[in-house]
Amino acid sequence: MDLADAFPPFGLRIEAGPLVLRPITDAELPRLIEVAAAGVHDPAYMPFYYPWTDAPADRLPLEFAQHHWRTRAGWSRESWTLEFAVEFEGAIVGCQGISTRDYLVTRTGETGSWLGREHHGRGIGTRMRQALCAFVFDELDATEITSGAFTDNPASLGVSRKVGYRADGTARLARRGELAVNQRLVLTRDDFVRGEPISVTGAAAFRRFIGLDS
């Protein structure tokens, strides 16, 4: 038996030109940890709802690995998070994922991602979001996809605009003990700005796994 037979997310692979989204197995964790440890953003600024990059250098590897282990262990049809290692031109550069609850009813999920700081400004963030959204719309029958970013995060908001998300209200959140305003975003099929065509492996088994097909 292959491990993907027990856990079909491990059998997924999404390709779009020089970009590949592949499942985060334990084999990918060391390189992802190296990329994260080298820096994801300016340390003076926190772009994430949960400030995982604030972990001390000696704690980041363990906490990073524990997050992914917990995500796998907690998987159910009612609540799941699908995360991919992002490979661009043969090198792992970051992570792209989507989280959802009651997907069979709601047909929606929220995207989230991070990209190693050395890879910023190359258009990779837009490509990886487009690839994931194409997968969710085309292979998982989604009706809409949501996202969000703090209003002082122009890079993330810029990616969302390029992909076709529209504003969907704001929320007041605490960030490092201070107030920050989060811009909610929503993407529909009609508004989606596609990137390179995608090629997907493992979609049929994944659909069965989450209950879309019997």
N, C-alpha and C. Protein backbone atom coordinates (compact mmCIF):
# COMPACT_ATOMS: atom_id res chain seq x y z
N MET A 1 0.84 -1.20 0.00
CA MET A 1 0.00 0.00 0.00
C MET A 1 0.88 1.25 0.00
N ASP A 2 0.51 2.20 -0.83
CA ASP A 2 1.16 3.51 -0.82
C ASP A 2 0.49 4.37 0.24
N LEU A 3 1.25 5.31 0.84
CA LEU A 3 0.67 6.16 1.88
C LEU A 3 -0.50 6.98 1.35
N ALA A 4 -0.47 7.33 0.05
CA ALA A 4 -1.57 8.08 -0.55
C ALA A 4 -2.86 7.28 -0.59
N ASP A 5 -2.77 5.94 -0.51
CA ASP A 5 -3.98 5.14 -0.44
C ASP A 5 -4.69 5.35 0.89
N ALA A 6 -3.93 5.57 1.95
CA ALA A 6 -4.50 5.83 3.26
C ALA A 6 -4.89 7.29 3.44
N PHE A 7 -4.11 8.18 2.83
CA PHE A 7 -4.34 9.62 2.97
C PHE A 7 -4.24 10.26 1.58
N PRO A 8 -5.34 10.28 0.81
CA PRO A 8 -5.32 10.73 -0.57
C PRO A 8 -4.76 12.14 -0.82
N PRO A 9 -4.79 13.09 0.13
CA PRO A 9 -4.11 14.36 -0.16
C PRO A 9 -2.66 14.19 -0.57
N PHE A 10 -2.00 13.12 -0.08
CA PHE A 10 -0.61 12.88 -0.46
C PHE A 10 -0.47 12.49 -1.93
N GLY A 11 -1.56 12.13 -2.58
CA GLY A 11 -1.50 11.76 -3.98
C GLY A 11 -1.75 12.90 -4.95
N LEU A 12 -2.03 14.08 -4.43
CA LEU A 12 -2.31 15.23 -5.29
C LEU A 12 -1.03 15.86 -5.82
N ARG A 13 -1.12 16.39 -7.01
CA ARG A 13 -0.03 17.18 -7.60
C ARG A 13 -0.66 18.11 -8.63
N ILE A 14 -0.33 19.40 -8.53
CA ILE A 14 -0.87 20.41 -9.44
C ILE A 14 0.31 21.07 -10.14
N GLU A 15 0.31 21.06 -11.45
CA GLU A 15 1.38 21.68 -12.22
C GLU A 15 0.82 22.80 -13.08
N ALA A 16 1.56 23.91 -13.15
CA ALA A 16 1.19 25.06 -13.98
C ALA A 16 2.47 25.70 -14.49
N GLY A 17 2.93 25.28 -15.66
CA GLY A 17 4.20 25.79 -16.18
C GLY A 17 5.34 25.43 -15.25
N PRO A 18 6.15 26.43 -14.82
CA PRO A 18 7.28 26.15 -13.94
C PRO A 18 6.89 25.96 -12.47
N LEU A 19 5.59 26.04 -12.19
CA LEU A 19 5.08 25.95 -10.82
C LEU A 19 4.50 24.57 -10.55
N VAL A 20 4.84 24.01 -9.39
CA VAL A 20 4.27 22.74 -8.95
C VAL A 20 3.79 22.90 -7.51
N LEU A 21 2.55 22.49 -7.25
CA LEU A 21 2.03 22.39 -5.88
C LEU A 21 2.02 20.91 -5.54
N ARG A 22 2.78 20.52 -4.52
CA ARG A 22 2.82 19.12 -4.14
C ARG A 22 2.54 18.96 -2.66
N PRO A 23 1.98 17.84 -2.26
CA PRO A 23 1.58 17.67 -0.86
C PRO A 23 2.75 17.77 0.09
N ILE A 24 2.47 18.28 1.28
CA ILE A 24 3.52 18.41 2.29
C ILE A 24 3.58 17.11 3.09
N THR A 25 4.48 16.24 2.68
CA THR A 25 4.79 15.04 3.46
C THR A 25 5.97 15.38 4.37
N ASP A 26 6.38 14.43 5.20
CA ASP A 26 7.53 14.68 6.05
C ASP A 26 8.80 14.93 5.23
N ALA A 27 8.84 14.42 4.02
CA ALA A 27 10.01 14.63 3.17
C ALA A 27 10.18 16.10 2.78
N GLU A 28 9.07 16.84 2.68
CA GLU A 28 9.15 18.26 2.31
C GLU A 28 9.41 19.18 3.51
N LEU A 29 9.13 18.71 4.71
CA LEU A 29 9.22 19.59 5.89
C LEU A 29 10.61 20.20 6.09
N PRO A 30 11.71 19.45 5.99
CA PRO A 30 13.01 20.08 6.24
C PRO A 30 13.30 21.27 5.34
N ARG A 31 13.01 21.15 4.04
CA ARG A 31 13.28 22.26 3.12
C ARG A 31 12.35 23.43 3.39
N LEU A 32 11.08 23.15 3.69
CA LEU A 32 10.16 24.24 4.02
C LEU A 32 10.61 24.98 5.28
N ILE A 33 11.09 24.24 6.26
CA ILE A 33 11.59 24.87 7.48
C ILE A 33 12.79 25.76 7.17
N GLU A 34 13.67 25.30 6.31
CA GLU A 34 14.83 26.11 5.93
C GLU A 34 14.40 27.42 5.26
N VAL A 35 13.41 27.32 4.37
CA VAL A 35 12.93 28.52 3.67
C VAL A 35 12.28 29.48 4.67
N ALA A 36 11.46 28.95 5.59
CA ALA A 36 10.81 29.80 6.59
C ALA A 36 11.83 30.43 7.51
N ALA A 37 12.83 29.66 7.94
CA ALA A 37 13.84 30.17 8.87
C ALA A 37 14.68 31.27 8.23
N ALA A 38 14.84 31.24 6.91
CA ALA A 38 15.61 32.27 6.21
C ALA A 38 14.86 33.60 6.13
N GLY A 39 13.55 33.59 6.45
CA GLY A 39 12.77 34.82 6.47
C GLY A 39 11.61 34.79 5.50
N VAL A 40 10.45 35.22 5.99
CA VAL A 40 9.24 35.26 5.19
C VAL A 40 8.77 36.70 4.98
N HIS A 41 9.09 37.57 5.93
CA HIS A 41 8.66 38.98 5.86
C HIS A 41 9.57 39.83 6.72
N ASP A 42 9.43 41.13 6.62
CA ASP A 42 10.15 42.07 7.48
C ASP A 42 9.77 41.77 8.93
N PRO A 43 10.73 41.48 9.81
CA PRO A 43 10.40 41.15 11.20
C PRO A 43 9.64 42.25 11.94
N ALA A 44 9.72 43.48 11.45
CA ALA A 44 9.00 44.57 12.10
C ALA A 44 7.51 44.55 11.81
N TYR A 45 7.11 43.73 10.87
CA TYR A 45 5.70 43.66 10.44
C TYR A 45 5.20 42.23 10.56
N MET A 46 3.91 42.05 10.92
CA MET A 46 3.33 40.72 11.01
C MET A 46 2.14 40.62 10.06
N PRO A 47 2.27 39.86 8.97
CA PRO A 47 1.16 39.73 8.01
C PRO A 47 0.17 38.64 8.34
N PHE A 48 0.47 37.77 9.32
CA PHE A 48 -0.35 36.59 9.57
C PHE A 48 -1.27 36.77 10.76
N TYR A 49 -2.46 36.15 10.68
CA TYR A 49 -3.40 36.19 11.81
C TYR A 49 -2.77 35.53 13.03
N TYR A 50 -2.17 34.35 12.82
CA TYR A 50 -1.45 33.69 13.90
C TYR A 50 0.04 33.95 13.66
N PRO A 51 0.73 34.59 14.59
CA PRO A 51 2.11 35.04 14.35
C PRO A 51 3.15 33.94 14.46
N TRP A 52 3.04 32.93 13.60
CA TRP A 52 3.93 31.76 13.72
C TRP A 52 5.39 32.10 13.45
N THR A 53 5.64 33.14 12.67
CA THR A 53 7.02 33.51 12.37
C THR A 53 7.70 34.24 13.52
N ASP A 54 6.96 34.55 14.58
CA ASP A 54 7.56 35.15 15.77
C ASP A 54 8.22 34.11 16.67
N ALA A 55 8.08 32.84 16.35
CA ALA A 55 8.70 31.79 17.16
C ALA A 55 10.21 31.98 17.19
N PRO A 56 10.85 31.79 18.35
CA PRO A 56 12.32 31.87 18.40
C PRO A 56 12.96 30.88 17.44
N ALA A 57 14.14 31.22 16.96
CA ALA A 57 14.81 30.39 15.96
C ALA A 57 14.98 28.94 16.40
N ASP A 58 15.19 28.73 17.70
CA ASP A 58 15.40 27.37 18.18
C ASP A 58 14.09 26.61 18.35
N ARG A 59 12.95 27.30 18.25
CA ARG A 59 11.64 26.65 18.39
C ARG A 59 10.90 26.52 17.07
N LEU A 60 11.26 27.34 16.10
CA LEU A 60 10.53 27.36 14.84
C LEU A 60 10.47 25.98 14.15
N PRO A 61 11.57 25.24 14.02
CA PRO A 61 11.48 23.94 13.34
C PRO A 61 10.46 23.00 13.96
N LEU A 62 10.49 22.86 15.29
CA LEU A 62 9.55 21.96 15.95
C LEU A 62 8.11 22.45 15.79
N GLU A 63 7.87 23.73 16.03
CA GLU A 63 6.52 24.26 15.96
C GLU A 63 5.97 24.18 14.53
N PHE A 64 6.83 24.39 13.55
CA PHE A 64 6.41 24.28 12.16
C PHE A 64 5.99 22.84 11.84
N ALA A 65 6.82 21.88 12.22
CA ALA A 65 6.50 20.48 11.97
C ALA A 65 5.24 20.07 12.72
N GLN A 66 5.10 20.51 13.98
CA GLN A 66 3.92 20.15 14.77
C GLN A 66 2.65 20.67 14.12
N HIS A 67 2.69 21.87 13.54
CA HIS A 67 1.52 22.42 12.86
C HIS A 67 1.05 21.49 11.76
N HIS A 68 1.98 21.03 10.93
CA HIS A 68 1.59 20.18 9.81
C HIS A 68 1.15 18.80 10.29
N TRP A 69 1.77 18.27 11.32
CA TRP A 69 1.32 16.99 11.86
C TRP A 69 -0.09 17.11 12.43
N ARG A 70 -0.36 18.21 13.15
CA ARG A 70 -1.71 18.41 13.71
C ARG A 70 -2.75 18.55 12.60
N THR A 71 -2.38 19.26 11.54
CA THR A 71 -3.31 19.46 10.42
C THR A 71 -3.71 18.12 9.82
N ARG A 72 -2.76 17.24 9.61
CA ARG A 72 -3.08 15.92 9.07
C ARG A 72 -3.91 15.11 10.05
N ALA A 73 -3.48 15.10 11.31
CA ALA A 73 -4.15 14.26 12.32
C ALA A 73 -5.59 14.69 12.55
N GLY A 74 -5.88 15.97 12.37
CA GLY A 74 -7.22 16.48 12.64
C GLY A 74 -8.16 16.47 11.45
N TRP A 75 -7.73 15.86 10.34
CA TRP A 75 -8.52 15.90 9.10
C TRP A 75 -9.84 15.16 9.27
N SER A 76 -10.92 15.77 8.80
CA SER A 76 -12.22 15.10 8.71
C SER A 76 -12.98 15.70 7.54
N ARG A 77 -14.02 15.04 7.09
CA ARG A 77 -14.82 15.61 5.99
C ARG A 77 -15.50 16.91 6.41
N GLU A 78 -15.74 17.05 7.70
CA GLU A 78 -16.43 18.25 8.20
C GLU A 78 -15.49 19.45 8.33
N SER A 79 -14.20 19.20 8.49
CA SER A 79 -13.25 20.29 8.70
C SER A 79 -11.87 19.84 8.22
N TRP A 80 -11.34 20.52 7.19
CA TRP A 80 -10.02 20.12 6.71
C TRP A 80 -9.25 21.30 6.14
N THR A 81 -7.94 21.13 6.17
CA THR A 81 -7.01 22.09 5.59
C THR A 81 -6.07 21.35 4.66
N LEU A 82 -6.01 21.80 3.42
CA LEU A 82 -5.17 21.19 2.40
C LEU A 82 -4.01 22.15 2.12
N GLU A 83 -2.79 21.70 2.40
CA GLU A 83 -1.62 22.56 2.22
C GLU A 83 -0.62 21.91 1.26
N PHE A 84 -0.06 22.73 0.40
CA PHE A 84 0.91 22.28 -0.59
C PHE A 84 2.25 22.98 -0.40
N ALA A 85 3.33 22.25 -0.63
CA ALA A 85 4.63 22.88 -0.81
C ALA A 85 4.65 23.46 -2.22
N VAL A 86 5.12 24.69 -2.34
CA VAL A 86 5.19 25.36 -3.64
C VAL A 86 6.60 25.20 -4.19
N GLU A 87 6.68 24.62 -5.37
CA GLU A 87 7.97 24.44 -6.05
C GLU A 87 7.95 25.31 -7.31
N PHE A 88 8.97 26.15 -7.47
CA PHE A 88 9.05 27.00 -8.65
C PHE A 88 10.41 26.82 -9.29
N GLU A 89 10.39 26.44 -10.56
CA GLU A 89 11.62 26.17 -11.31
C GLU A 89 12.52 25.21 -10.55
N GLY A 90 11.90 24.19 -9.91
CA GLY A 90 12.64 23.12 -9.26
C GLY A 90 13.02 23.35 -7.82
N ALA A 91 12.73 24.54 -7.27
CA ALA A 91 13.10 24.84 -5.88
C ALA A 91 11.85 25.08 -5.03
N ILE A 92 11.83 24.54 -3.82
CA ILE A 92 10.72 24.81 -2.91
C ILE A 92 10.86 26.24 -2.38
N VAL A 93 9.76 27.02 -2.51
CA VAL A 93 9.83 28.45 -2.19
C VAL A 93 8.80 28.89 -1.15
N GLY A 94 7.83 28.03 -0.81
CA GLY A 94 6.81 28.46 0.14
C GLY A 94 5.69 27.45 0.25
N CYS A 95 4.54 27.94 0.69
CA CYS A 95 3.40 27.06 0.97
C CYS A 95 2.10 27.75 0.53
N GLN A 96 1.19 26.98 -0.04
CA GLN A 96 -0.14 27.47 -0.43
C GLN A 96 -1.18 26.48 0.04
N GLY A 97 -2.24 26.99 0.68
CA GLY A 97 -3.25 26.08 1.19
C GLY A 97 -4.64 26.67 1.15
N ILE A 98 -5.59 25.83 1.55
CA ILE A 98 -6.98 26.25 1.67
C ILE A 98 -7.60 25.50 2.84
N SER A 99 -8.42 26.20 3.63
CA SER A 99 -9.09 25.61 4.78
C SER A 99 -10.60 25.76 4.63
N THR A 100 -11.35 24.76 5.11
CA THR A 100 -12.79 24.80 4.96
C THR A 100 -13.48 24.03 6.07
N ARG A 101 -14.72 24.35 6.29
CA ARG A 101 -15.61 23.60 7.17
C ARG A 101 -16.90 23.31 6.41
N ASP A 102 -17.43 22.09 6.60
CA ASP A 102 -18.70 21.70 5.96
C ASP A 102 -18.68 21.96 4.46
N TYR A 103 -17.60 21.55 3.81
CA TYR A 103 -17.42 21.87 2.39
C TYR A 103 -18.53 21.30 1.52
N LEU A 104 -19.04 20.13 1.85
CA LEU A 104 -20.07 19.52 1.02
C LEU A 104 -21.34 20.37 0.97
N VAL A 105 -21.52 21.21 1.98
CA VAL A 105 -22.66 22.12 2.03
C VAL A 105 -22.29 23.50 1.50
N THR A 106 -21.17 24.05 1.98
CA THR A 106 -20.83 25.45 1.70
C THR A 106 -20.15 25.65 0.35
N ARG A 107 -19.41 24.64 -0.11
CA ARG A 107 -18.62 24.74 -1.35
C ARG A 107 -17.76 26.00 -1.38
N THR A 108 -17.12 26.29 -0.24
CA THR A 108 -16.21 27.42 -0.16
C THR A 108 -15.10 27.11 0.82
N GLY A 109 -13.99 27.80 0.68
CA GLY A 109 -12.87 27.67 1.60
C GLY A 109 -12.03 28.92 1.55
N GLU A 110 -11.14 29.08 2.52
CA GLU A 110 -10.30 30.29 2.60
C GLU A 110 -8.85 29.95 2.28
N THR A 111 -8.28 30.68 1.35
CA THR A 111 -6.89 30.45 0.97
C THR A 111 -5.95 31.14 1.94
N GLY A 112 -4.76 30.57 2.05
CA GLY A 112 -3.69 31.16 2.86
C GLY A 112 -2.36 30.72 2.29
N SER A 113 -1.33 31.52 2.44
CA SER A 113 -0.05 31.18 1.85
C SER A 113 1.09 31.94 2.50
N TRP A 114 2.29 31.48 2.26
CA TRP A 114 3.49 32.25 2.58
C TRP A 114 4.56 31.92 1.55
N LEU A 115 5.47 32.84 1.38
CA LEU A 115 6.52 32.71 0.38
C LEU A 115 7.82 33.21 0.98
N GLY A 116 8.91 32.44 0.82
CA GLY A 116 10.20 32.88 1.32
C GLY A 116 10.55 34.27 0.82
N ARG A 117 11.08 35.09 1.71
CA ARG A 117 11.31 36.50 1.38
C ARG A 117 12.20 36.69 0.15
N GLU A 118 13.16 35.80 -0.03
CA GLU A 118 14.07 35.92 -1.17
C GLU A 118 13.37 35.69 -2.50
N HIS A 119 12.16 35.14 -2.44
CA HIS A 119 11.41 34.86 -3.67
C HIS A 119 10.29 35.87 -3.94
N HIS A 120 10.18 36.90 -3.09
CA HIS A 120 9.16 37.93 -3.30
C HIS A 120 9.47 38.72 -4.57
N GLY A 121 8.42 39.30 -5.14
CA GLY A 121 8.59 40.20 -6.28
C GLY A 121 8.83 39.53 -7.61
N ARG A 122 8.57 38.22 -7.69
CA ARG A 122 8.80 37.49 -8.94
C ARG A 122 7.49 37.00 -9.56
N GLY A 123 6.36 37.37 -8.96
CA GLY A 123 5.07 36.94 -9.48
C GLY A 123 4.66 35.54 -9.05
N ILE A 124 5.45 34.92 -8.17
CA ILE A 124 5.15 33.55 -7.75
C ILE A 124 3.88 33.50 -6.91
N GLY A 125 3.69 34.50 -6.04
CA GLY A 125 2.51 34.52 -5.19
C GLY A 125 1.22 34.51 -5.99
N THR A 126 1.20 35.25 -7.09
CA THR A 126 0.01 35.26 -7.96
C THR A 126 -0.17 33.91 -8.64
N ARG A 127 0.91 33.35 -9.15
CA ARG A 127 0.84 32.07 -9.86
C ARG A 127 0.31 30.96 -8.94
N MET A 128 0.82 30.90 -7.72
CA MET A 128 0.42 29.80 -6.84
C MET A 128 -1.02 29.93 -6.38
N ARG A 129 -1.49 31.17 -6.19
CA ARG A 129 -2.91 31.37 -5.85
C ARG A 129 -3.80 31.00 -7.04
N GLN A 130 -3.40 31.40 -8.23
CA GLN A 130 -4.20 31.06 -9.42
C GLN A 130 -4.27 29.54 -9.60
N ALA A 131 -3.17 28.85 -9.39
CA ALA A 131 -3.16 27.40 -9.57
C ALA A 131 -4.08 26.72 -8.57
N LEU A 132 -4.01 27.15 -7.31
CA LEU A 132 -4.87 26.54 -6.30
C LEU A 132 -6.33 26.84 -6.57
N CYS A 133 -6.65 28.09 -6.89
CA CYS A 133 -8.06 28.44 -7.15
C CYS A 133 -8.60 27.69 -8.35
N ALA A 134 -7.79 27.52 -9.39
CA ALA A 134 -8.24 26.75 -10.55
C ALA A 134 -8.55 25.31 -10.13
N PHE A 135 -7.72 24.73 -9.29
CA PHE A 135 -7.95 23.38 -8.80
C PHE A 135 -9.26 23.29 -8.01
N VAL A 136 -9.49 24.24 -7.12
CA VAL A 136 -10.67 24.19 -6.26
C VAL A 136 -11.95 24.42 -7.07
N PHE A 137 -11.92 25.34 -8.01
CA PHE A 137 -13.09 25.57 -8.86
C PHE A 137 -13.33 24.40 -9.82
N ASP A 138 -12.27 23.96 -10.50
CA ASP A 138 -12.44 22.99 -11.59
C ASP A 138 -12.56 21.56 -11.11
N GLU A 139 -11.83 21.21 -10.07
CA GLU A 139 -11.78 19.82 -9.62
C GLU A 139 -12.63 19.54 -8.38
N LEU A 140 -12.93 20.59 -7.58
CA LEU A 140 -13.68 20.37 -6.34
C LEU A 140 -15.04 21.05 -6.33
N ASP A 141 -15.45 21.61 -7.47
CA ASP A 141 -16.81 22.16 -7.63
C ASP A 141 -17.11 23.30 -6.67
N ALA A 142 -16.12 24.12 -6.36
CA ALA A 142 -16.35 25.25 -5.45
C ALA A 142 -17.25 26.29 -6.11
N THR A 143 -18.02 26.99 -5.27
CA THR A 143 -18.85 28.10 -5.72
C THR A 143 -18.12 29.43 -5.56
N GLU A 144 -17.41 29.58 -4.45
CA GLU A 144 -16.61 30.77 -4.21
C GLU A 144 -15.43 30.41 -3.33
N ILE A 145 -14.43 31.29 -3.30
CA ILE A 145 -13.23 31.12 -2.48
C ILE A 145 -12.98 32.43 -1.76
N THR A 146 -12.66 32.36 -0.48
CA THR A 146 -12.42 33.57 0.29
C THR A 146 -10.94 33.70 0.65
N SER A 147 -10.58 34.90 1.07
CA SER A 147 -9.24 35.16 1.56
C SER A 147 -9.31 36.40 2.44
N GLY A 148 -8.18 36.88 2.88
CA GLY A 148 -8.15 38.08 3.69
C GLY A 148 -6.72 38.54 3.89
N ALA A 149 -6.56 39.82 4.17
CA ALA A 149 -5.23 40.38 4.44
C ALA A 149 -5.41 41.66 5.23
N PHE A 150 -4.44 41.96 6.07
CA PHE A 150 -4.49 43.23 6.79
C PHE A 150 -4.39 44.37 5.79
N THR A 151 -5.05 45.48 6.09
CA THR A 151 -5.12 46.59 5.14
C THR A 151 -3.77 47.24 4.90
N ASP A 152 -2.79 46.97 5.77
CA ASP A 152 -1.44 47.51 5.55
C ASP A 152 -0.52 46.46 4.93
N ASN A 153 -1.11 45.50 4.22
CA ASN A 153 -0.34 44.48 3.51
C ASN A 153 -0.62 44.59 2.01
N PRO A 154 -0.06 45.61 1.35
CA PRO A 154 -0.39 45.84 -0.06
C PRO A 154 0.02 44.71 -0.98
N ALA A 155 1.07 43.96 -0.65
CA ALA A 155 1.51 42.88 -1.52
C ALA A 155 0.45 41.79 -1.62
N SER A 156 -0.07 41.36 -0.46
CA SER A 156 -1.10 40.32 -0.47
C SER A 156 -2.37 40.81 -1.13
N LEU A 157 -2.77 42.03 -0.82
CA LEU A 157 -3.98 42.58 -1.43
C LEU A 157 -3.81 42.73 -2.94
N GLY A 158 -2.59 43.04 -3.38
CA GLY A 158 -2.33 43.16 -4.80
C GLY A 158 -2.47 41.83 -5.53
N VAL A 159 -1.99 40.76 -4.89
CA VAL A 159 -2.16 39.42 -5.47
C VAL A 159 -3.65 39.11 -5.61
N SER A 160 -4.41 39.40 -4.55
CA SER A 160 -5.84 39.11 -4.59
C SER A 160 -6.54 39.86 -5.72
N ARG A 161 -6.19 41.12 -5.91
CA ARG A 161 -6.80 41.90 -7.00
C ARG A 161 -6.46 41.28 -8.36
N LYS A 162 -5.21 40.86 -8.54
CA LYS A 162 -4.80 40.27 -9.82
C LYS A 162 -5.57 38.99 -10.12
N VAL A 163 -5.90 38.24 -9.07
CA VAL A 163 -6.59 36.96 -9.25
C VAL A 163 -8.09 37.16 -9.41
N GLY A 164 -8.61 38.33 -9.01
CA GLY A 164 -10.03 38.62 -9.22
C GLY A 164 -10.88 38.71 -7.97
N TYR A 165 -10.28 38.59 -6.78
CA TYR A 165 -11.05 38.74 -5.55
C TYR A 165 -11.62 40.15 -5.46
N ARG A 166 -12.77 40.26 -4.80
CA ARG A 166 -13.34 41.58 -4.52
C ARG A 166 -13.52 41.75 -3.02
N ALA A 167 -13.55 43.00 -2.58
CA ALA A 167 -13.69 43.30 -1.16
C ALA A 167 -15.01 42.78 -0.62
N ASP A 168 -14.98 42.30 0.62
CA ASP A 168 -16.17 41.71 1.23
C ASP A 168 -16.25 42.07 2.71
N GLY A 169 -15.98 43.35 3.02
CA GLY A 169 -16.08 43.81 4.39
C GLY A 169 -14.75 43.74 5.13
N THR A 170 -14.75 44.27 6.34
CA THR A 170 -13.54 44.29 7.16
C THR A 170 -13.83 43.74 8.55
N ALA A 171 -12.75 43.40 9.24
CA ALA A 171 -12.86 42.92 10.62
C ALA A 171 -11.73 43.55 11.44
N ARG A 172 -12.04 43.86 12.70
CA ARG A 172 -11.05 44.44 13.61
C ARG A 172 -10.43 43.29 14.42
N LEU A 173 -9.11 43.13 14.29
CA LEU A 173 -8.41 42.04 14.94
C LEU A 173 -7.24 42.56 15.78
N ALA A 174 -6.84 41.74 16.74
CA ALA A 174 -5.64 42.05 17.52
C ALA A 174 -4.43 41.46 16.82
N ARG A 175 -3.36 42.26 16.70
CA ARG A 175 -2.12 41.80 16.08
C ARG A 175 -0.96 42.28 16.94
N ARG A 176 -0.26 41.34 17.52
CA ARG A 176 0.83 41.66 18.43
C ARG A 176 0.38 42.64 19.51
N GLY A 177 -0.86 42.42 19.99
CA GLY A 177 -1.39 43.22 21.08
C GLY A 177 -1.96 44.56 20.68
N GLU A 178 -2.01 44.86 19.39
CA GLU A 178 -2.55 46.13 18.91
C GLU A 178 -3.63 45.89 17.86
N LEU A 179 -4.47 46.90 17.64
CA LEU A 179 -5.55 46.80 16.67
C LEU A 179 -5.00 46.76 15.25
N ALA A 180 -5.57 45.87 14.43
CA ALA A 180 -5.28 45.82 13.00
C ALA A 180 -6.58 45.52 12.27
N VAL A 181 -6.76 46.12 11.11
CA VAL A 181 -7.97 45.93 10.33
C VAL A 181 -7.70 44.92 9.22
N ASN A 182 -8.54 43.90 9.17
CA ASN A 182 -8.40 42.86 8.16
C ASN A 182 -9.44 43.06 7.06
N GLN A 183 -8.97 43.03 5.82
CA GLN A 183 -9.85 43.13 4.66
C GLN A 183 -10.27 41.75 4.22
N ARG A 184 -11.56 41.44 4.32
CA ARG A 184 -12.06 40.16 3.81
C ARG A 184 -12.24 40.26 2.30
N LEU A 185 -12.05 39.13 1.61
CA LEU A 185 -12.09 39.09 0.15
C LEU A 185 -12.84 37.85 -0.30
N VAL A 186 -13.49 37.94 -1.45
CA VAL A 186 -14.22 36.80 -1.99
C VAL A 186 -13.99 36.71 -3.50
N LEU A 187 -13.86 35.48 -4.00
CA LEU A 187 -13.63 35.23 -5.41
C LEU A 187 -14.70 34.28 -5.93
N THR A 188 -15.33 34.64 -7.05
CA THR A 188 -16.31 33.77 -7.70
C THR A 188 -15.73 33.25 -9.01
N ARG A 189 -16.38 32.24 -9.55
CA ARG A 189 -15.94 31.68 -10.83
C ARG A 189 -15.90 32.74 -11.92
N ASP A 190 -16.93 33.59 -11.96
CA ASP A 190 -17.02 34.58 -13.02
C ASP A 190 -15.91 35.64 -12.92
N ASP A 191 -15.47 35.93 -11.69
CA ASP A 191 -14.45 36.97 -11.49
C ASP A 191 -13.02 36.43 -11.57
N PHE A 192 -12.87 35.12 -11.53
CA PHE A 192 -11.54 34.50 -11.44
C PHE A 192 -10.69 34.83 -12.67
N VAL A 193 -9.50 35.38 -12.43
CA VAL A 193 -8.52 35.66 -13.50
C VAL A 193 -7.51 34.51 -13.50
N ARG A 194 -7.60 33.68 -14.49
CA ARG A 194 -6.78 32.48 -14.53
C ARG A 194 -5.34 32.77 -14.97
N GLY A 195 -4.45 31.90 -14.52
CA GLY A 195 -3.07 31.94 -14.96
C GLY A 195 -2.83 30.85 -15.98
N GLU A 196 -1.67 30.21 -15.92
CA GLU A 196 -1.37 29.13 -16.84
C GLU A 196 -2.29 27.94 -16.59
N PRO A 197 -2.65 27.20 -17.62
CA PRO A 197 -3.49 26.02 -17.43
C PRO A 197 -2.84 25.05 -16.46
N ILE A 198 -3.66 24.38 -15.68
CA ILE A 198 -3.13 23.44 -14.69
C ILE A 198 -3.32 21.99 -15.15
N SER A 199 -2.42 21.14 -14.68
CA SER A 199 -2.52 19.70 -14.86
C SER A 199 -2.55 19.08 -13.46
N VAL A 200 -3.54 18.24 -13.20
CA VAL A 200 -3.76 17.71 -11.85
C VAL A 200 -3.66 16.20 -11.83
N THR A 201 -2.93 15.68 -10.86
CA THR A 201 -2.86 14.25 -10.59
C THR A 201 -3.53 13.98 -9.24
N GLY A 202 -4.31 12.91 -9.17
CA GLY A 202 -4.88 12.48 -7.90
C GLY A 202 -6.20 13.11 -7.52
N ALA A 203 -6.84 13.83 -8.43
CA ALA A 203 -8.08 14.53 -8.09
C ALA A 203 -9.23 13.57 -7.81
N ALA A 204 -9.34 12.50 -8.57
CA ALA A 204 -10.47 11.59 -8.41
C ALA A 204 -10.47 10.95 -7.02
N ALA A 205 -9.31 10.48 -6.58
CA ALA A 205 -9.22 9.87 -5.25
C ALA A 205 -9.49 10.90 -4.15
N PHE A 206 -9.04 12.13 -4.36
CA PHE A 206 -9.28 13.17 -3.36
C PHE A 206 -10.76 13.51 -3.27
N ARG A 207 -11.43 13.59 -4.41
CA ARG A 207 -12.87 13.87 -4.41
C ARG A 207 -13.62 12.81 -3.61
N ARG A 208 -13.29 11.55 -3.80
CA ARG A 208 -13.93 10.49 -3.03
C ARG A 208 -13.63 10.64 -1.55
N PHE A 209 -12.40 11.00 -1.24
CA PHE A 209 -11.96 11.13 0.15
C PHE A 209 -12.75 12.19 0.91
N ILE A 210 -13.07 13.31 0.26
CA ILE A 210 -13.79 14.38 0.95
C ILE A 210 -15.30 14.26 0.78
N GLY A 211 -15.77 13.23 0.05
CA GLY A 211 -17.20 12.96 -0.05
C GLY A 211 -17.90 13.55 -1.23
N LEU A 212 -17.17 14.08 -2.20
CA LEU A 212 -17.83 14.63 -3.38
C LEU A 212 -18.35 13.54 -4.29
N ASP A 213 -17.65 12.42 -4.36
CA ASP A 213 -18.08 11.29 -5.17
C ASP A 213 -18.16 10.04 -4.30
N SER A 214 -19.09 9.18 -4.59
CA SER A 214 -19.20 7.94 -3.83
C SER A 214 -18.19 6.94 -4.33
